[in-house]
C-alpha atoms as a PDB file:
ATOM      1  CA  UNK A   1     -30.264   4.844  18.483  1.00  0.00           C
ATOM      2  CA  UNK A   2     -28.658   1.465  17.933  1.00  0.00           C
ATOM      3  CA  UNK A   3     -25.196   1.158  16.437  1.00  0.00           C
ATOM      4  CA  UNK A   4     -26.315   0.842  12.825  1.00  0.00           C
ATOM      5  CA  UNK A   5     -28.617   3.841  13.093  1.00  0.00           C
ATOM      6  CA  UNK A   6     -25.872   5.852  14.787  1.00  0.00           C
ATOM      7  CA  UNK A   7     -23.282   5.205  12.081  1.00  0.00           C
ATOM      8  CA  UNK A   8     -25.628   5.658   9.122  1.00  0.00           C
ATOM      9  CA  UNK A   9     -27.032   8.875  10.583  1.00  0.00           C
ATOM     10  CA  UNK A  10     -23.543  10.325  10.802  1.00  0.00           C
ATOM     11  CA  UNK A  11     -22.617   9.181   7.291  1.00  0.00           C
ATOM     12  CA  UNK A  12     -25.819  10.678   5.895  1.00  0.00           C
ATOM     13  CA  UNK A  13     -25.051  14.062   7.451  1.00  0.00           C
ATOM     14  CA  UNK A  14     -27.623  13.734  10.222  1.00  0.00           C
ATOM     15  CA  UNK A  15     -27.269  14.119  13.983  1.00  0.00           C
ATOM     16  CA  UNK A  16     -26.213  11.034  15.940  1.00  0.00           C
ATOM     17  CA  UNK A  17     -27.027  10.642  19.621  1.00  0.00           C
ATOM     18  CA  UNK A  18     -23.336  10.113  20.498  1.00  0.00           C
ATOM     19  CA  UNK A  19     -19.976   9.428  18.874  1.00  0.00           C
ATOM     20  CA  UNK A  20     -19.883   6.098  17.005  1.00  0.00           C
ATOM     21  CA  UNK A  21     -17.353   3.485  18.125  1.00  0.00           C
ATOM     22  CA  UNK A  22     -15.681   1.502  15.308  1.00  0.00           C
ATOM     23  CA  UNK A  23     -12.304  -0.078  16.197  1.00  0.00           C
ATOM     24  CA  UNK A  24     -10.720  -2.540  13.767  1.00  0.00           C
ATOM     25  CA  UNK A  25     -10.391  -5.916  15.475  1.00  0.00           C
ATOM     26  CA  UNK A  26      -9.009  -9.055  13.858  1.00  0.00           C
ATOM     27  CA  UNK A  27      -6.603 -11.086  16.007  1.00  0.00           C
ATOM     28  CA  UNK A  28      -8.099  -9.363  19.063  1.00  0.00           C
ATOM     29  CA  UNK A  29     -11.528 -10.673  18.060  1.00  0.00           C
ATOM     30  CA  UNK A  30     -10.226 -14.183  17.424  1.00  0.00           C
ATOM     31  CA  UNK A  31      -8.670 -14.211  20.885  1.00  0.00           C
ATOM     32  CA  UNK A  32     -11.949 -13.084  22.454  1.00  0.00           C
ATOM     33  CA  UNK A  33     -13.575 -16.212  21.053  1.00  0.00           C
ATOM     34  CA  UNK A  34     -10.550 -18.353  21.899  1.00  0.00           C
ATOM     35  CA  UNK A  35      -9.866 -19.566  18.346  1.00  0.00           C
ATOM     36  CA  UNK A  36      -6.714 -19.810  16.259  1.00  0.00           C
ATOM     37  CA  UNK A  37      -6.352 -17.062  13.708  1.00  0.00           C
ATOM     38  CA  UNK A  38      -6.103 -19.534  10.844  1.00  0.00           C
ATOM     39  CA  UNK A  39      -9.607 -20.725  11.736  1.00  0.00           C
ATOM     40  CA  UNK A  40     -10.800 -17.109  11.933  1.00  0.00           C
ATOM     41  CA  UNK A  41      -9.671 -16.329   8.376  1.00  0.00           C
ATOM     42  CA  UNK A  42     -10.735 -19.681   6.926  1.00  0.00           C
ATOM     43  CA  UNK A  43     -14.338 -20.043   8.102  1.00  0.00           C
ATOM     44  CA  UNK A  44     -16.841 -17.192   7.935  1.00  0.00           C
ATOM     45  CA  UNK A  45     -18.824 -18.698  10.810  1.00  0.00           C
ATOM     46  CA  UNK A  46     -15.814 -18.525  13.134  1.00  0.00           C
ATOM     47  CA  UNK A  47     -15.057 -14.966  12.045  1.00  0.00           C
ATOM     48  CA  UNK A  48     -18.689 -14.013  12.437  1.00  0.00           C
ATOM     49  CA  UNK A  49     -19.026 -15.426  15.931  1.00  0.00           C
ATOM     50  CA  UNK A  50     -15.796 -13.725  17.016  1.00  0.00           C
ATOM     51  CA  UNK A  51     -17.010 -10.395  15.646  1.00  0.00           C
ATOM     52  CA  UNK A  52     -20.406 -10.746  17.275  1.00  0.00           C
ATOM     53  CA  UNK A  53     -18.922 -11.638  20.646  1.00  0.00           C
ATOM     54  CA  UNK A  54     -16.400  -8.779  20.524  1.00  0.00           C
ATOM     55  CA  UNK A  55     -19.011  -6.246  19.425  1.00  0.00           C
ATOM     56  CA  UNK A  56     -21.319  -7.328  22.242  1.00  0.00           C
ATOM     57  CA  UNK A  57     -18.587  -7.450  24.877  1.00  0.00           C
ATOM     58  CA  UNK A  58     -17.256  -3.954  24.091  1.00  0.00           C
ATOM     59  CA  UNK A  59     -20.449  -2.400  22.653  1.00  0.00           C
ATOM     60  CA  UNK A  60     -19.087  -1.692  19.166  1.00  0.00           C
ATOM     61  CA  UNK A  61     -21.478  -0.037  16.760  1.00  0.00           C
ATOM     62  CA  UNK A  62     -20.511  -2.328  13.903  1.00  0.00           C
ATOM     63  CA  UNK A  63     -19.124  -5.697  12.877  1.00  0.00           C
ATOM     64  CA  UNK A  64     -16.648  -6.303  10.056  1.00  0.00           C
ATOM     65  CA  UNK A  65     -15.299  -9.058   7.824  1.00  0.00           C
ATOM     66  CA  UNK A  66     -11.794  -7.564   7.591  1.00  0.00           C
ATOM     67  CA  UNK A  67      -9.244 -10.336   8.173  1.00  0.00           C
ATOM     68  CA  UNK A  68      -6.225 -10.331   5.856  1.00  0.00           C
ATOM     69  CA  UNK A  69      -5.120  -9.033   2.424  1.00  0.00           C
ATOM     70  CA  UNK A  70      -4.777 -12.442   0.772  1.00  0.00           C
ATOM     71  CA  UNK A  71      -8.362 -13.283  -0.175  1.00  0.00           C
ATOM     72  CA  UNK A  72      -8.464 -11.880  -3.701  1.00  0.00           C
ATOM     73  CA  UNK A  73      -4.879 -12.927  -4.392  1.00  0.00           C
ATOM     74  CA  UNK A  74      -5.597 -16.481  -3.236  1.00  0.00           C
ATOM     75  CA  UNK A  75      -8.524 -16.792  -5.636  1.00  0.00           C
ATOM     76  CA  UNK A  76      -6.254 -15.614  -8.447  1.00  0.00           C
ATOM     77  CA  UNK A  77      -3.792 -18.392  -7.615  1.00  0.00           C
ATOM     78  CA  UNK A  78      -1.108 -16.440  -5.754  1.00  0.00           C
ATOM     79  CA  UNK A  79       1.291 -18.279  -3.449  1.00  0.00           C
ATOM     80  CA  UNK A  80       0.108 -17.900   0.157  1.00  0.00           C
ATOM     81  CA  UNK A  81       1.985 -18.928   3.284  1.00  0.00           C
ATOM     82  CA  UNK A  82      -0.272 -20.076   6.111  1.00  0.00           C
ATOM     83  CA  UNK A  83       0.367 -19.913   9.832  1.00  0.00           C
ATOM     84  CA  UNK A  84      -1.425 -21.496  12.764  1.00  0.00           C
ATOM     85  CA  UNK A  85      -2.123 -18.307  14.714  1.00  0.00           C
ATOM     86  CA  UNK A  86      -1.019 -15.394  12.510  1.00  0.00           C
ATOM     87  CA  UNK A  87      -2.434 -13.842   9.321  1.00  0.00           C
ATOM     88  CA  UNK A  88      -1.668 -15.570   6.021  1.00  0.00           C
ATOM     89  CA  UNK A  89       1.086 -13.885   4.013  1.00  0.00           C
ATOM     90  CA  UNK A  90       1.724 -13.465   0.306  1.00  0.00           C
ATOM     91  CA  UNK A  91       5.060 -14.891  -0.822  1.00  0.00           C
ATOM     92  CA  UNK A  92       6.723 -11.978  -2.566  1.00  0.00           C
ATOM     93  CA  UNK A  93       9.503 -14.135  -4.026  1.00  0.00           C
ATOM     94  CA  UNK A  94       6.787 -16.102  -5.844  1.00  0.00           C
ATOM     95  CA  UNK A  95       4.598 -13.141  -6.846  1.00  0.00           C
ATOM     96  CA  UNK A  96       1.770 -14.047  -9.208  1.00  0.00           C
ATOM     97  CA  UNK A  97       2.726 -11.313 -11.655  1.00  0.00           C
ATOM     98  CA  UNK A  98       6.511 -11.615 -11.346  1.00  0.00           C
ATOM     99  CA  UNK A  99       6.245 -12.038 -15.113  1.00  0.00           C
ATOM    100  CA  UNK A 100       4.345  -8.973 -16.270  1.00  0.00           C
ATOM    101  CA  UNK A 101       2.933 -10.896 -19.222  1.00  0.00           C
ATOM    102  CA  UNK A 102       0.858 -12.930 -16.749  1.00  0.00           C
ATOM    103  CA  UNK A 103      -1.454  -9.955 -16.230  1.00  0.00           C
ATOM    104  CA  UNK A 104      -2.851 -10.195 -19.771  1.00  0.00           C
ATOM    105  CA  UNK A 105      -3.530 -13.911 -19.311  1.00  0.00           C
ATOM    106  CA  UNK A 106      -5.381 -13.495 -16.009  1.00  0.00           C
ATOM    107  CA  UNK A 107      -9.127 -13.125 -15.672  1.00  0.00           C
ATOM    108  CA  UNK A 108     -10.971 -11.525 -12.777  1.00  0.00           C
ATOM    109  CA  UNK A 109     -12.218 -14.255 -10.414  1.00  0.00           C
ATOM    110  CA  UNK A 110     -15.864 -14.770  -9.564  1.00  0.00           C
ATOM    111  CA  UNK A 111     -16.349 -13.551  -5.965  1.00  0.00           C
ATOM    112  CA  UNK A 112     -19.001 -16.259  -5.592  1.00  0.00           C
ATOM    113  CA  UNK A 113     -16.810 -18.967  -7.058  1.00  0.00           C
ATOM    114  CA  UNK A 114     -16.328 -20.910  -3.851  1.00  0.00           C
ATOM    115  CA  UNK A 115     -12.949 -19.501  -2.814  1.00  0.00           C
ATOM    116  CA  UNK A 116     -11.743 -17.139  -0.138  1.00  0.00           C
ATOM    117  CA  UNK A 117     -13.643 -14.214  -1.641  1.00  0.00           C
ATOM    118  CA  UNK A 118     -16.912 -16.102  -1.292  1.00  0.00           C
ATOM    119  CA  UNK A 119     -16.044 -16.921   2.313  1.00  0.00           C
ATOM    120  CA  UNK A 120     -15.924 -13.169   2.973  1.00  0.00           C
ATOM    121  CA  UNK A 121     -19.203 -12.595   1.136  1.00  0.00           C
ATOM    122  CA  UNK A 122     -20.750 -15.387   3.202  1.00  0.00           C
ATOM    123  CA  UNK A 123     -19.361 -13.675   6.301  1.00  0.00           C
ATOM    124  CA  UNK A 124     -21.189 -10.481   5.393  1.00  0.00           C
ATOM    125  CA  UNK A 125     -24.446 -12.404   4.945  1.00  0.00           C
ATOM    126  CA  UNK A 126     -23.911 -14.200   8.256  1.00  0.00           C
ATOM    127  CA  UNK A 127     -23.308 -10.955  10.155  1.00  0.00           C
ATOM    128  CA  UNK A 128     -26.240  -9.283   8.429  1.00  0.00           C
ATOM    129  CA  UNK A 129     -28.541 -12.100   9.503  1.00  0.00           C
ATOM    130  CA  UNK A 130     -27.245 -12.185  13.079  1.00  0.00           C
ATOM    131  CA  UNK A 131     -26.785  -8.487  13.849  1.00  0.00           C
ATOM    132  CA  UNK A 132     -27.683  -6.410  10.804  1.00  0.00           C
ATOM    133  CA  UNK A 133     -30.616  -4.656  12.449  1.00  0.00           C
ATOM    134  CA  UNK A 134     -28.527  -3.520  15.429  1.00  0.00           C
ATOM    135  CA  UNK A 135     -24.978  -3.166  14.090  1.00  0.00           C
ATOM    136  CA  UNK A 136     -23.662  -1.747  10.834  1.00  0.00           C
ATOM    137  CA  UNK A 137     -22.070  -4.477   8.726  1.00  0.00           C
ATOM    138  CA  UNK A 138     -18.774  -3.652   7.043  1.00  0.00           C
ATOM    139  CA  UNK A 139     -17.363  -5.458   4.023  1.00  0.00           C
ATOM    140  CA  UNK A 140     -13.768  -5.065   2.888  1.00  0.00           C
ATOM    141  CA  UNK A 141     -11.710  -4.891  -0.330  1.00  0.00           C
ATOM    142  CA  UNK A 142      -8.113  -4.057  -1.193  1.00  0.00           C
ATOM    143  CA  UNK A 143      -7.287  -0.741  -2.832  1.00  0.00           C
ATOM    144  CA  UNK A 144      -5.449  -0.631  -6.179  1.00  0.00           C
ATOM    145  CA  UNK A 145      -1.970   0.051  -4.829  1.00  0.00           C
ATOM    146  CA  UNK A 146      -2.224  -2.580  -2.101  1.00  0.00           C
ATOM    147  CA  UNK A 147      -3.596  -5.145  -4.537  1.00  0.00           C
ATOM    148  CA  UNK A 148      -0.909  -4.296  -7.069  1.00  0.00           C
ATOM    149  CA  UNK A 149       1.761  -4.830  -4.410  1.00  0.00           C
ATOM    150  CA  UNK A 150       0.173  -8.145  -3.437  1.00  0.00           C
ATOM    151  CA  UNK A 151       0.265  -9.434  -7.005  1.00  0.00           C
ATOM    152  CA  UNK A 152       3.535  -7.961  -8.237  1.00  0.00           C
ATOM    153  CA  UNK A 153       5.567  -7.804  -5.008  1.00  0.00           C
ATOM    154  CA  UNK A 154       5.846  -4.492  -3.209  1.00  0.00           C
ATOM    155  CA  UNK A 155       9.524  -3.874  -3.972  1.00  0.00           C
ATOM    156  CA  UNK A 156       9.088  -4.661  -7.659  1.00  0.00           C
ATOM    157  CA  UNK A 157       6.000  -2.461  -7.872  1.00  0.00           C
ATOM    158  CA  UNK A 158       7.930   0.510  -6.510  1.00  0.00           C
ATOM    159  CA  UNK A 159      10.424   0.129  -9.369  1.00  0.00           C
ATOM    160  CA  UNK A 160       7.598  -0.259 -11.892  1.00  0.00           C
ATOM    161  CA  UNK A 161       6.442   3.303 -11.224  1.00  0.00           C
ATOM    162  CA  UNK A 162       9.702   4.411 -12.842  1.00  0.00           C
ATOM    163  CA  UNK A 163      10.407   1.578 -15.258  1.00  0.00           C
ATOM    164  CA  UNK A 164       6.985   0.745 -16.707  1.00  0.00           C
ATOM    165  CA  UNK A 165       4.229   3.215 -15.765  1.00  0.00           C
ATOM    166  CA  UNK A 166       1.915   1.780 -18.418  1.00  0.00           C
ATOM    167  CA  UNK A 167       2.014  -1.611 -16.733  1.00  0.00           C
ATOM    168  CA  UNK A 168       1.236  -0.007 -13.367  1.00  0.00           C
ATOM    169  CA  UNK A 169      -1.870   1.595 -14.820  1.00  0.00           C
ATOM    170  CA  UNK A 170      -2.984  -1.702 -16.360  1.00  0.00           C
ATOM    171  CA  UNK A 171      -2.324  -3.546 -13.089  1.00  0.00           C
ATOM    172  CA  UNK A 172      -4.303  -1.030 -11.055  1.00  0.00           C
ATOM    173  CA  UNK A 173      -7.169  -1.075 -13.556  1.00  0.00           C
ATOM    174  CA  UNK A 174      -7.321  -4.872 -13.256  1.00  0.00           C
ATOM    175  CA  UNK A 175      -7.365  -4.561  -9.459  1.00  0.00           C
ATOM    176  CA  UNK A 176     -10.215  -2.055  -9.476  1.00  0.00           C
ATOM    177  CA  UNK A 177     -12.305  -4.188 -11.840  1.00  0.00           C
ATOM    178  CA  UNK A 178     -11.851  -7.138  -9.495  1.00  0.00           C
ATOM    179  CA  UNK A 179     -12.566  -5.153  -6.335  1.00  0.00           C
ATOM    180  CA  UNK A 180     -15.720  -3.592  -7.741  1.00  0.00           C
ATOM    181  CA  UNK A 181     -17.099  -7.059  -8.391  1.00  0.00           C
ATOM    182  CA  UNK A 182     -16.076  -8.130  -4.896  1.00  0.00           C
ATOM    183  CA  UNK A 183     -17.654  -5.046  -3.339  1.00  0.00           C
ATOM    184  CA  UNK A 184     -20.876  -5.596  -5.295  1.00  0.00           C
ATOM    185  CA  UNK A 185     -21.189  -9.145  -3.988  1.00  0.00           C
ATOM    186  CA  UNK A 186     -20.692  -7.937  -0.411  1.00  0.00           C
ATOM    187  CA  UNK A 187     -23.196  -5.107  -0.755  1.00  0.00           C
ATOM    188  CA  UNK A 188     -25.758  -7.509  -2.193  1.00  0.00           C
ATOM    189  CA  UNK A 189     -25.089  -9.800   0.782  1.00  0.00           C
ATOM    190  CA  UNK A 190     -25.956  -6.967   3.168  1.00  0.00           C
ATOM    191  CA  UNK A 191     -22.892  -4.784   3.745  1.00  0.00           C
ATOM    192  CA  UNK A 192     -23.774  -1.233   4.805  1.00  0.00           C
ATOM    193  CA  UNK A 193     -20.298   0.040   4.050  1.00  0.00           C
ATOM    194  CA  UNK A 194     -17.158  -1.205   2.346  1.00  0.00           C
ATOM    195  CA  UNK A 195     -13.731  -0.719   3.862  1.00  0.00           C
ATOM    196  CA  UNK A 196     -11.010  -0.027   1.312  1.00  0.00           C
ATOM    197  CA  UNK A 197      -7.513  -0.860   2.549  1.00  0.00           C
ATOM    198  CA  UNK A 198      -4.727   0.620   0.428  1.00  0.00           C
ATOM    199  CA  UNK A 199      -1.722   0.381   2.718  1.00  0.00           C
ATOM    200  CA  UNK A 200       0.968   0.530   0.021  1.00  0.00           C
ATOM    201  CA  UNK A 201      -0.308   3.945  -1.078  1.00  0.00           C
ATOM    202  CA  UNK A 202       1.413   5.535   1.930  1.00  0.00           C
ATOM    203  CA  UNK A 203       4.795   4.547   0.476  1.00  0.00           C
ATOM    204  CA  UNK A 204       4.684   6.167  -2.957  1.00  0.00           C
ATOM    205  CA  UNK A 205       4.761   9.902  -2.143  1.00  0.00           C
ATOM    206  CA  UNK A 206       2.422  12.614  -3.435  1.00  0.00           C
ATOM    207  CA  UNK A 207       3.694  12.654  -7.030  1.00  0.00           C
ATOM    208  CA  UNK A 208       3.026   8.980  -7.744  1.00  0.00           C
ATOM    209  CA  UNK A 209      -0.056   8.959  -5.543  1.00  0.00           C
ATOM    210  CA  UNK A 210      -1.722  11.753  -7.508  1.00  0.00           C
ATOM    211  CA  UNK A 211      -0.646  10.422 -10.901  1.00  0.00           C
ATOM    212  CA  UNK A 212      -1.173   6.680 -10.499  1.00  0.00           C
ATOM    213  CA  UNK A 213      -3.039   5.780  -7.320  1.00  0.00           C
ATOM    214  CA  UNK A 214      -5.619   8.507  -6.766  1.00  0.00           C
ATOM    215  CA  UNK A 215      -7.425   8.136 -10.134  1.00  0.00           C
ATOM    216  CA  UNK A 216      -7.950   4.413  -9.568  1.00  0.00           C
ATOM    217  CA  UNK A 217      -8.940   4.858  -5.926  1.00  0.00           C
ATOM    218  CA  UNK A 218     -11.459   7.411  -7.157  1.00  0.00           C
ATOM    219  CA  UNK A 219     -12.853   4.957  -9.705  1.00  0.00           C
ATOM    220  CA  UNK A 220     -13.222   2.347  -6.953  1.00  0.00           C
ATOM    221  CA  UNK A 221     -14.906   4.760  -4.539  1.00  0.00           C
ATOM    222  CA  UNK A 222     -17.275   6.102  -7.206  1.00  0.00           C
ATOM    223  CA  UNK A 223     -18.145   2.554  -8.237  1.00  0.00           C
ATOM    224  CA  UNK A 224     -19.032   1.571  -4.681  1.00  0.00           C
ATOM    225  CA  UNK A 225     -21.145   4.699  -4.354  1.00  0.00           C
ATOM    226  CA  UNK A 226     -22.976   3.760  -7.557  1.00  0.00           C
ATOM    227  CA  UNK A 227     -23.913   0.509  -5.802  1.00  0.00           C
ATOM    228  CA  UNK A 228     -25.335   2.565  -2.893  1.00  0.00           C
ATOM    229  CA  UNK A 229     -22.519   1.554  -0.585  1.00  0.00           C
ATOM    230  CA  UNK A 230     -20.647   3.790   1.835  1.00  0.00           C
ATOM    231  CA  UNK A 231     -16.835   3.784   1.871  1.00  0.00           C
ATOM    232  CA  UNK A 232     -14.355   3.696   4.757  1.00  0.00           C
ATOM    233  CA  UNK A 233     -10.843   4.396   3.468  1.00  0.00           C
ATOM    234  CA  UNK A 234      -7.913   3.096   5.504  1.00  0.00           C
ATOM    235  CA  UNK A 235      -4.317   3.627   4.375  1.00  0.00           C
ATOM    236  CA  UNK A 236      -1.839   2.277   6.906  1.00  0.00           C
ATOM    237  CA  UNK A 237       1.266   4.330   7.605  1.00  0.00           C
ATOM    238  CA  UNK A 238       2.232   7.974   7.293  1.00  0.00           C
ATOM    239  CA  UNK A 239      -0.162   9.687   4.897  1.00  0.00           C
ATOM    240  CA  UNK A 240       0.621  13.296   5.821  1.00  0.00           C
ATOM    241  CA  UNK A 241       1.710  14.180   2.273  1.00  0.00           C
ATOM    242  CA  UNK A 242      -1.381  12.756   0.573  1.00  0.00           C
ATOM    243  CA  UNK A 243      -4.118  13.865   2.989  1.00  0.00           C
ATOM    244  CA  UNK A 244      -5.573  16.422   0.610  1.00  0.00           C
ATOM    245  CA  UNK A 245      -5.944  13.821  -2.125  1.00  0.00           C
ATOM    246  CA  UNK A 246      -7.501  11.335   0.258  1.00  0.00           C
ATOM    247  CA  UNK A 247     -10.074  13.957   1.168  1.00  0.00           C
ATOM    248  CA  UNK A 248     -10.950  14.550  -2.494  1.00  0.00           C
ATOM    249  CA  UNK A 249     -11.923  10.910  -3.002  1.00  0.00           C
ATOM    250  CA  UNK A 250     -15.339  11.524  -1.437  1.00  0.00           C
ATOM    251  CA  UNK A 251     -15.230   8.633   1.033  1.00  0.00           C
ATOM    252  CA  UNK A 252     -17.789   8.796   3.816  1.00  0.00           C
ATOM    253  CA  UNK A 253     -15.101   7.890   6.365  1.00  0.00           C
ATOM    254  CA  UNK A 254     -11.380   8.589   6.239  1.00  0.00           C
ATOM    255  CA  UNK A 255      -9.710   6.298   8.776  1.00  0.00           C
ATOM    256  CA  UNK A 256      -6.243   7.621   9.620  1.00  0.00           C
ATOM    257  CA  UNK A 257      -3.296   5.738  11.026  1.00  0.00           C
ATOM    258  CA  UNK A 258      -1.701   7.242  14.125  1.00  0.00           C
ATOM    259  CA  UNK A 259       1.209   8.841  12.243  1.00  0.00           C
ATOM    260  CA  UNK A 260      -1.051  11.334  10.452  1.00  0.00           C
ATOM    261  CA  UNK A 261      -2.298  14.262  12.590  1.00  0.00           C
ATOM    262  CA  UNK A 262      -6.050  14.616  12.644  1.00  0.00           C
ATOM    263  CA  UNK A 263      -5.761  18.388  12.805  1.00  0.00           C
ATOM    264  CA  UNK A 264      -3.915  18.409   9.473  1.00  0.00           C
ATOM    265  CA  UNK A 265      -6.518  16.086   8.001  1.00  0.00           C
ATOM    266  CA  UNK A 266      -9.341  18.371   9.072  1.00  0.00           C
ATOM    267  CA  UNK A 267      -7.579  21.422   7.648  1.00  0.00           C
ATOM    268  CA  UNK A 268      -6.965  19.732   4.306  1.00  0.00           C
ATOM    269  CA  UNK A 269     -10.186  17.733   3.963  1.00  0.00           C
ATOM    270  CA  UNK A 270     -12.693  20.306   5.136  1.00  0.00           C
ATOM    271  CA  UNK A 271     -15.435  20.545   7.707  1.00  0.00           C
ATOM    272  CA  UNK A 272     -17.735  17.864   6.321  1.00  0.00           C
ATOM    273  CA  UNK A 273     -15.360  14.917   6.154  1.00  0.00           C
ATOM    274  CA  UNK A 274     -15.997  12.181   8.737  1.00  0.00           C
ATOM    275  CA  UNK A 275     -12.638  11.396  10.367  1.00  0.00           C
ATOM    276  CA  UNK A 276     -11.894   8.263  12.363  1.00  0.00           C
ATOM    277  CA  UNK A 277      -9.064   7.480  14.758  1.00  0.00           C
ATOM    278  CA  UNK A 278      -6.360   7.637  15.585  1.00  0.00           C
ATOM    279  CA  UNK A 279      -4.417   6.985  18.816  1.00  0.00           C
ATOM    280  CA  UNK A 280      -1.305   4.825  18.552  1.00  0.00           C
ATOM    281  CA  UNK A 281      -2.591   1.238  18.902  1.00  0.00           C
ATOM    282  CA  UNK A 282       0.653   0.023  20.499  1.00  0.00           C
ATOM    283  CA  UNK A 283       2.356   2.836  22.421  1.00  0.00           C
ATOM    284  CA  UNK A 284      -0.928   4.184  23.790  1.00  0.00           C
ATOM    285  CA  UNK A 285      -3.861   1.789  23.463  1.00  0.00           C
ATOM    286  CA  UNK A 286      -1.943  -1.351  24.377  1.00  0.00           C
ATOM    287  CA  UNK A 287       0.761   0.024  26.670  1.00  0.00           C
ATOM    288  CA  UNK A 288      -0.756   2.946  28.596  1.00  0.00           C
ATOM    289  CA  UNK A 289      -3.248   2.864  31.497  1.00  0.00           C
ATOM    290  CA  UNK A 290      -6.935   3.559  30.806  1.00  0.00           C
ATOM    291  CA  UNK A 291      -6.796   7.188  31.946  1.00  0.00           C
ATOM    292  CA  UNK A 292      -4.025   7.884  29.430  1.00  0.00           C
ATOM    293  CA  UNK A 293      -6.058   6.179  26.701  1.00  0.00           C
ATOM    294  CA  UNK A 294      -9.032   8.383  27.583  1.00  0.00           C
ATOM    295  CA  UNK A 295      -6.879  11.515  27.438  1.00  0.00           C
ATOM    296  CA  UNK A 296      -5.389  10.483  24.092  1.00  0.00           C
ATOM    297  CA  UNK A 297      -8.755   9.854  22.429  1.00  0.00           C
ATOM    298  CA  UNK A 298     -10.061  13.151  23.787  1.00  0.00           C
ATOM    299  CA  UNK A 299      -7.108  14.882  22.131  1.00  0.00           C
ATOM    300  CA  UNK A 300      -7.846  13.107  18.854  1.00  0.00           C
ATOM    301  CA  UNK A 301     -11.433  14.344  19.029  1.00  0.00           C
ATOM    302  CA  UNK A 302     -10.224  17.862  19.821  1.00  0.00           C
ATOM    303  CA  UNK A 303      -7.940  17.839  16.767  1.00  0.00           C
ATOM    304  CA  UNK A 304     -10.498  16.314  14.420  1.00  0.00           C
ATOM    305  CA  UNK A 305     -13.575  18.189  15.511  1.00  0.00           C
ATOM    306  CA  UNK A 306     -16.867  16.779  14.271  1.00  0.00           C
ATOM    307  CA  UNK A 307     -17.949  14.715  12.389  1.00  0.00           C
ATOM    308  CA  UNK A 308     -15.799  12.123  14.167  1.00  0.00           C
ATOM    309  CA  UNK A 309     -15.722   8.403  15.006  1.00  0.00           C
ATOM    310  CA  UNK A 310     -13.833   6.921  17.948  1.00  0.00           C
ATOM    311  CA  UNK A 311     -11.195   4.329  17.085  1.00  0.00           C
ATOM    312  CA  UNK A 312      -7.501   3.513  17.240  1.00  0.00           C
ATOM    313  CA  UNK A 313      -5.091   4.428  14.458  1.00  0.00           C
ATOM    314  CA  UNK A 314      -5.061   0.866  13.111  1.00  0.00           C
ATOM    315  CA  UNK A 315      -5.933  -2.645  14.265  1.00  0.00           C
ATOM    316  CA  UNK A 316      -6.415  -3.148  17.999  1.00  0.00           C
ATOM    317  CA  UNK A 317      -3.474  -5.358  19.013  1.00  0.00           C
ATOM    318  CA  UNK A 318      -4.391  -8.819  20.181  1.00  0.00           C
ATOM    319  CA  UNK A 319      -2.897  -8.326  23.672  1.00  0.00           C
ATOM    320  CA  UNK A 320      -4.537  -4.955  24.341  1.00  0.00           C
ATOM    321  CA  UNK A 321      -5.993  -4.830  27.879  1.00  0.00           C
ATOM    322  CA  UNK A 322      -9.804  -4.997  27.754  1.00  0.00           C
ATOM    323  CA  UNK A 323     -10.077  -2.042  30.136  1.00  0.00           C
ATOM    324  CA  UNK A 324      -8.255   0.104  27.591  1.00  0.00           C
ATOM    325  CA  UNK A 325     -10.757  -0.752  24.861  1.00  0.00           C
ATOM    326  CA  UNK A 326     -13.517   0.079  27.320  1.00  0.00           C
ATOM    327  CA  UNK A 327     -11.889   3.464  27.932  1.00  0.00           C
ATOM    328  CA  UNK A 328     -12.446   4.264  24.257  1.00  0.00           C
ATOM    329  CA  UNK A 329     -16.047   3.133  24.554  1.00  0.00           C
ATOM    330  CA  UNK A 330     -16.610   5.271  27.621  1.00  0.00           C
ATOM    331  CA  UNK A 331     -15.414   8.329  25.735  1.00  0.00           C
ATOM    332  CA  UNK A 332     -17.680   7.554  22.784  1.00  0.00           C
ATOM    333  CA  UNK A 333     -20.826   7.120  24.883  1.00  0.00           C
ATOM    334  CA  UNK A 334     -20.057  10.226  26.938  1.00  0.00           C
ATOM    335  CA  UNK A 335     -19.853  12.634  24.004  1.00  0.00           C
ATOM    336  CA  UNK A 336     -22.440  13.869  21.560  1.00  0.00           C
ATOM    337  CA  UNK A 337     -21.296  15.167  18.174  1.00  0.00           C
ATOM    338  CA  UNK A 338     -20.840  18.886  18.394  1.00  0.00           C
ATOM    339  CA  UNK A 339     -20.321  18.878  22.173  1.00  0.00           C
ATOM    340  CA  UNK A 340     -16.976  19.546  23.807  1.00  0.00           C
ATOM    341  CA  UNK A 341     -15.651  18.834  27.254  1.00  0.00           C
END
């Protein structure tokens, strides 16, 4: 099997020849190519070449257009701060929807309108053309809570849950409408799966998650499925208290950050859920020797059981030793789903 076949077989409930290997790489990939991160996030060709080189060098089973959370917001007109060799950042003190009335005046942008969203769509098409027969191609969109925080400011959004729940629902509905259009454009460009990043959802607690976030995440996931896309959900941070809800979304892959035990996820999400992760990308993957990395990923696999995908708990840090990434790969290629060492 090649990487694309391996991943899609697992997601379709079939037997893969070995564990898939799908680490998130962004700044790490840019450094492999020797380019500044601003160039990586600004030109789909640079991003694509960095992804292709990194996937070849470390034998990843996929390539991805994940880069930063400011693509949709930029096309809406949000204030973005740019850096030479770091990810762009949204300026919370100049949030686009600091005035709530701005939401009603704002229209969903065209993902093919020539902005940063189109650059991502073009990145999907580029990767599909270059590697789409051998590697799975992953698109990426923001989840409703993350997008809401980007547009409103994360601190203000947290108060809105209490002060104006109706506005929160309208804001999240706007976000999902936008992201479904963005996902559709990426799927039509050749994406096999869509990553959904909803980092801010780990901050709201189970009450607000179930009442406000989960229904809109579900609408987004169901919409992507209706387009025949697979979904990889990634919520940065400690999601222990919302694991059961995450499992009910029906995502093909639940990608867990290192703070959430895989054993708990398996218990709450059931035997069929594909789990991905989740060793600590700093304390273990970056800082420990390769044998410790191998032991840590073996423990993750033991906790998760199968179906399982090898990866770190979040982005591979840019200064991670290459031999440590290769230790993850060695574990993946040495283990068939269902087998145990």
